[in-house]
Amino acid sequence: MTGPRTRPHLQPWRWAGVLLAFSTSVFADTVATRIVIAGDSTASNYPAERAPQTGWGQVLPYFVEDSVPVLNRAVSGRSTKSYIDEGKWAALMDEVRPGDVVLISFGHNDSRDDAPERYAPADGAYRANLVRFAEDVEARGGEAVIVSSATRRLWEGPAMVETHGLYALNARLAADEAGAGFIDLANTSLAYFETLGREPTKKDFLWLTPENANARFPGGVEDNTHFTALGACGVARVVALALAEMPAAAPVIEVEDTPDPGDEDGRPADVIDCAASLVR
């Protein structure tokens, strides 16, 4: 949960020269009544004992009007395959109703070819599952938005490296095939973190020392996939900026296009406020 805030609406925006990617072909002249999230550990909710680990879906409500519920149904460790096999997609479908905007973001675990219960080849089951998800949402009167996986923190010299490859590509192709919305989070989140720099982004990802460790990682951890509250808020902001250019979601998104810098590393002020307002 997040606290009260004042946030102007988005205007057309680019970050580091990368246009936020999306498709609006599926959106009619309707306004989202709820936002629902299906995804994995990068988006899921974390309790106080797991702090500072935070999912971007956990803090997305900061950038959404208070009157619009955000139902975060992301589950750690899940792929499109295991989300289906465990009945989680069927349960989500029981909740979806007309007017919902459903964000669908998988890929981190689909690529785990060492885990057959999760593995879904990029141009096979992964893409087919995403198409199915989008079509199911549309059949319930919702608006599906496929979201490629958020970037990992992998640097080569002064630049970050995009690691999702065929999974990011097939997320886009699935959106095209299903006529769904698409957010290129793999590249837009990378562009955001690149503006901060190599060392500062350790604050955004789950880098813990023994001195600031949590119960799960008492000796510390160097995790370049999962986020702290700062990183999750930065990714949620990127998602919100893309949603704010989609007709169904735009009226309920509250995010500033040119925010004041919030810290010496260049994080936007609303990212700092978002992280400070998080209540677990």
Foldseek 3Di string as FASTA:
>chain_A
DFDDDDFAAEDQFDFPPDHWDKFQQVDDQAAAQEEEEEEAQQADADDPLQPQFGHLVLLLVLFFAPRYYYHYLYYHLAALQLCVVVCVLVVVLVVAAARYEYEYEHQPQCCPPVDVSHHDDQPGRRLVSLLVSQLSNVVRNYAYEYEYAAAFLDDDPLAHDQDRPSNLVSSVVSCVVNVHMYTSNSPRNRSQVSLLTNVVCQQFAQFFDCVRDGPVCNHTDRGRRTTGLLNSLSSSLSVLNSLCPHSRHVVGTGHYRDADQCDPSRHGVSSVSSSVRDDD
